């Protein structure tokens, strides 16, 4: 459904460090970039994610109520995403990483805030 997602950052290097660690734990290569607009990109065959200063020059801010979910191949990768993200400047939020049961069945989740306050999570869906 999506081709890419971009989030703003006031400290782009801190965000690049955070996402290199957290997304690296999910098996992604370090970011490419910066591109001509100063953004860093993580790409897969299914889509791309980028971080950079807002192009309009205003300060970056997070989307209150917004969450970006990254697919994890295993429950262990969910925990690794969480641990790597916290070690690289992220903040653990909500419940500890682990299994949740809800309307979508059983999921393994870990939620973090990146250095700019954006809410991200790793999600493993069994089966």
C-alpha atoms as a PDB file:
ATOM      1  CA  UNK A   1       0.000   0.000   0.000  1.00  0.00           C
ATOM      2  CA  UNK A   2       2.754   2.486   0.881  1.00  0.00           C
ATOM      3  CA  UNK A   3       5.834   3.342  -1.160  1.00  0.00           C
ATOM      4  CA  UNK A   4       7.644   5.265   1.566  1.00  0.00           C
ATOM      5  CA  UNK A   5       7.342   7.025   4.903  1.00  0.00           C
ATOM      6  CA  UNK A   6       9.395  10.045   5.928  1.00  0.00           C
ATOM      7  CA  UNK A   7       9.657  11.529   9.425  1.00  0.00           C
ATOM      8  CA  UNK A   8      11.177  14.809  10.479  1.00  0.00           C
ATOM      9  CA  UNK A   9      14.102  15.151  12.855  1.00  0.00           C
ATOM     10  CA  UNK A  10      15.744  18.150  14.474  1.00  0.00           C
ATOM     11  CA  UNK A  11      18.955  16.182  15.094  1.00  0.00           C
ATOM     12  CA  UNK A  12      19.261  14.119  11.935  1.00  0.00           C
ATOM     13  CA  UNK A  13      22.477  12.388  12.993  1.00  0.00           C
ATOM     14  CA  UNK A  14      20.954  11.222  16.302  1.00  0.00           C
ATOM     15  CA  UNK A  15      17.964   9.879  14.386  1.00  0.00           C
ATOM     16  CA  UNK A  16      20.207   8.167  11.817  1.00  0.00           C
ATOM     17  CA  UNK A  17      22.132   6.492  14.630  1.00  0.00           C
ATOM     18  CA  UNK A  18      18.872   5.368  16.285  1.00  0.00           C
ATOM     19  CA  UNK A  19      17.362   3.954  13.068  1.00  0.00           C
ATOM     20  CA  UNK A  20      20.603   2.307  11.918  1.00  0.00           C
ATOM     21  CA  UNK A  21      20.613   0.422  15.239  1.00  0.00           C
ATOM     22  CA  UNK A  22      16.891  -0.341  15.568  1.00  0.00           C
ATOM     23  CA  UNK A  23      16.313  -1.218  11.903  1.00  0.00           C
ATOM     24  CA  UNK A  24      19.646  -3.053  11.769  1.00  0.00           C
ATOM     25  CA  UNK A  25      18.239  -5.352  14.460  1.00  0.00           C
ATOM     26  CA  UNK A  26      15.456  -6.150  11.972  1.00  0.00           C
ATOM     27  CA  UNK A  27      17.982  -7.050   9.278  1.00  0.00           C
ATOM     28  CA  UNK A  28      18.092  -3.777   7.328  1.00  0.00           C
ATOM     29  CA  UNK A  29      21.341  -2.307   6.054  1.00  0.00           C
ATOM     30  CA  UNK A  30      22.522   1.069   7.391  1.00  0.00           C
ATOM     31  CA  UNK A  31      20.974   4.130   5.793  1.00  0.00           C
ATOM     32  CA  UNK A  32      22.053   5.517   2.465  1.00  0.00           C
ATOM     33  CA  UNK A  33      22.550   9.229   2.196  1.00  0.00           C
ATOM     34  CA  UNK A  34      22.394  11.912   2.951  1.00  0.00           C
ATOM     35  CA  UNK A  35      20.538  12.783  -0.230  1.00  0.00           C
ATOM     36  CA  UNK A  36      20.666  16.342  -1.654  1.00  0.00           C
ATOM     37  CA  UNK A  37      17.987  17.429   0.864  1.00  0.00           C
ATOM     38  CA  UNK A  38      19.885  15.943   3.817  1.00  0.00           C
ATOM     39  CA  UNK A  39      17.639  12.890   4.303  1.00  0.00           C
ATOM     40  CA  UNK A  40      18.800   9.372   5.144  1.00  0.00           C
ATOM     41  CA  UNK A  41      16.983   6.392   3.555  1.00  0.00           C
ATOM     42  CA  UNK A  42      16.483   2.740   4.512  1.00  0.00           C
ATOM     43  CA  UNK A  43      15.164   0.765   1.527  1.00  0.00           C
ATOM     44  CA  UNK A  44      13.688  -2.672   1.001  1.00  0.00           C
ATOM     45  CA  UNK A  45      12.034  -4.330  -1.990  1.00  0.00           C
ATOM     46  CA  UNK A  46       8.655  -3.416  -0.449  1.00  0.00           C
ATOM     47  CA  UNK A  47       9.213   0.228   0.481  1.00  0.00           C
ATOM     48  CA  UNK A  48      11.422   2.880   2.004  1.00  0.00           C
ATOM     49  CA  UNK A  49      11.733   4.886   5.199  1.00  0.00           C
ATOM     50  CA  UNK A  50      13.516   8.230   5.526  1.00  0.00           C
ATOM     51  CA  UNK A  51      14.459  10.747   8.178  1.00  0.00           C
ATOM     52  CA  UNK A  52      15.512  14.367   7.693  1.00  0.00           C
ATOM     53  CA  UNK A  53      14.939  17.969   8.621  1.00  0.00           C
ATOM     54  CA  UNK A  54      11.558  19.295   7.419  1.00  0.00           C
ATOM     55  CA  UNK A  55      11.923  20.828   3.973  1.00  0.00           C
ATOM     56  CA  UNK A  56       9.821  23.862   4.970  1.00  0.00           C
ATOM     57  CA  UNK A  57      12.477  24.866   7.511  1.00  0.00           C
ATOM     58  CA  UNK A  58      10.159  24.632  10.521  1.00  0.00           C
ATOM     59  CA  UNK A  59      11.164  22.453  13.491  1.00  0.00           C
ATOM     60  CA  UNK A  60      10.308  18.754  13.298  1.00  0.00           C
ATOM     61  CA  UNK A  61       7.570  17.473  15.581  1.00  0.00           C
ATOM     62  CA  UNK A  62       6.062  14.030  16.057  1.00  0.00           C
ATOM     63  CA  UNK A  63       2.525  13.035  15.089  1.00  0.00           C
ATOM     64  CA  UNK A  64       0.515  12.731  18.305  1.00  0.00           C
ATOM     65  CA  UNK A  65      -1.434   9.506  17.830  1.00  0.00           C
ATOM     66  CA  UNK A  66       0.702   8.360  14.906  1.00  0.00           C
ATOM     67  CA  UNK A  67       2.720   5.137  14.905  1.00  0.00           C
ATOM     68  CA  UNK A  68       4.999   3.613  12.284  1.00  0.00           C
ATOM     69  CA  UNK A  69       5.266  -0.179  12.436  1.00  0.00           C
ATOM     70  CA  UNK A  70       8.225  -2.140  11.106  1.00  0.00           C
ATOM     71  CA  UNK A  71       7.901  -5.853  10.305  1.00  0.00           C
ATOM     72  CA  UNK A  72      10.038  -8.282  12.294  1.00  0.00           C
ATOM     73  CA  UNK A  73      10.665 -11.839  11.070  1.00  0.00           C
ATOM     74  CA  UNK A  74      10.843 -13.308  14.591  1.00  0.00           C
ATOM     75  CA  UNK A  75       9.852 -12.410  18.158  1.00  0.00           C
ATOM     76  CA  UNK A  76      13.569 -12.252  18.975  1.00  0.00           C
ATOM     77  CA  UNK A  77      13.979  -9.503  16.385  1.00  0.00           C
ATOM     78  CA  UNK A  78      11.237  -7.499  18.128  1.00  0.00           C
ATOM     79  CA  UNK A  79      13.258  -7.610  21.347  1.00  0.00           C
ATOM     80  CA  UNK A  80      16.481  -6.819  19.466  1.00  0.00           C
ATOM     81  CA  UNK A  81      14.809  -3.777  17.818  1.00  0.00           C
ATOM     82  CA  UNK A  82      13.760  -2.544  21.258  1.00  0.00           C
ATOM     83  CA  UNK A  83      17.155  -3.108  22.872  1.00  0.00           C
ATOM     84  CA  UNK A  84      19.137  -1.594  19.992  1.00  0.00           C
ATOM     85  CA  UNK A  85      16.809   1.403  19.777  1.00  0.00           C
ATOM     86  CA  UNK A  86      17.067   2.155  23.509  1.00  0.00           C
ATOM     87  CA  UNK A  87      20.853   1.771  23.392  1.00  0.00           C
ATOM     88  CA  UNK A  88      20.963   4.240  20.465  1.00  0.00           C
ATOM     89  CA  UNK A  89      18.988   7.017  22.149  1.00  0.00           C
ATOM     90  CA  UNK A  90      15.383   5.868  21.869  1.00  0.00           C
ATOM     91  CA  UNK A  91      12.911   5.754  24.739  1.00  0.00           C
ATOM     92  CA  UNK A  92      10.926   2.652  25.707  1.00  0.00           C
ATOM     93  CA  UNK A  93       7.196   3.407  25.946  1.00  0.00           C
ATOM     94  CA  UNK A  94       3.952   1.606  26.727  1.00  0.00           C
ATOM     95  CA  UNK A  95       4.106  -2.032  27.802  1.00  0.00           C
ATOM     96  CA  UNK A  96       7.429  -3.933  27.765  1.00  0.00           C
ATOM     97  CA  UNK A  97       8.234  -5.773  24.520  1.00  0.00           C
ATOM     98  CA  UNK A  98       6.335  -9.016  24.163  1.00  0.00           C
ATOM     99  CA  UNK A  99       3.207 -10.841  23.160  1.00  0.00           C
ATOM    100  CA  UNK A 100      -0.170  -9.089  22.931  1.00  0.00           C
ATOM    101  CA  UNK A 101      -3.561 -10.647  22.227  1.00  0.00           C
ATOM    102  CA  UNK A 102      -6.199  -8.518  20.573  1.00  0.00           C
ATOM    103  CA  UNK A 103      -8.607  -8.199  17.672  1.00  0.00           C
ATOM    104  CA  UNK A 104      -5.816  -9.011  15.181  1.00  0.00           C
ATOM    105  CA  UNK A 105      -4.807 -12.194  17.002  1.00  0.00           C
ATOM    106  CA  UNK A 106      -1.519 -12.718  18.781  1.00  0.00           C
ATOM    107  CA  UNK A 107       1.243 -10.245  17.950  1.00  0.00           C
ATOM    108  CA  UNK A 108       4.700  -9.659  19.365  1.00  0.00           C
ATOM    109  CA  UNK A 109       5.308  -5.897  19.741  1.00  0.00           C
ATOM    110  CA  UNK A 110       7.846  -3.375  21.001  1.00  0.00           C
ATOM    111  CA  UNK A 111       7.176   0.387  21.069  1.00  0.00           C
ATOM    112  CA  UNK A 112       9.780   3.163  21.154  1.00  0.00           C
ATOM    113  CA  UNK A 113      10.052   6.897  20.671  1.00  0.00           C
ATOM    114  CA  UNK A 114      12.939   7.946  18.434  1.00  0.00           C
ATOM    115  CA  UNK A 115      15.205  10.892  19.391  1.00  0.00           C
ATOM    116  CA  UNK A 116      12.687  13.332  17.809  1.00  0.00           C
ATOM    117  CA  UNK A 117       9.666  11.819  19.589  1.00  0.00           C
ATOM    118  CA  UNK A 118       8.257   9.810  16.669  1.00  0.00           C
ATOM    119  CA  UNK A 119       6.454   6.651  17.851  1.00  0.00           C
ATOM    120  CA  UNK A 120       7.702   3.475  16.159  1.00  0.00           C
ATOM    121  CA  UNK A 121       7.236  -0.202  16.793  1.00  0.00           C
ATOM    122  CA  UNK A 122       8.455  -3.587  15.658  1.00  0.00           C
ATOM    123  CA  UNK A 123       5.740  -6.146  14.938  1.00  0.00           C
ATOM    124  CA  UNK A 124       5.985  -9.907  14.504  1.00  0.00           C
ATOM    125  CA  UNK A 125       2.858 -11.638  13.215  1.00  0.00           C
ATOM    126  CA  UNK A 126       3.062 -15.431  13.544  1.00  0.00           C
ATOM    127  CA  UNK A 127       2.186 -17.628  10.618  1.00  0.00           C
END
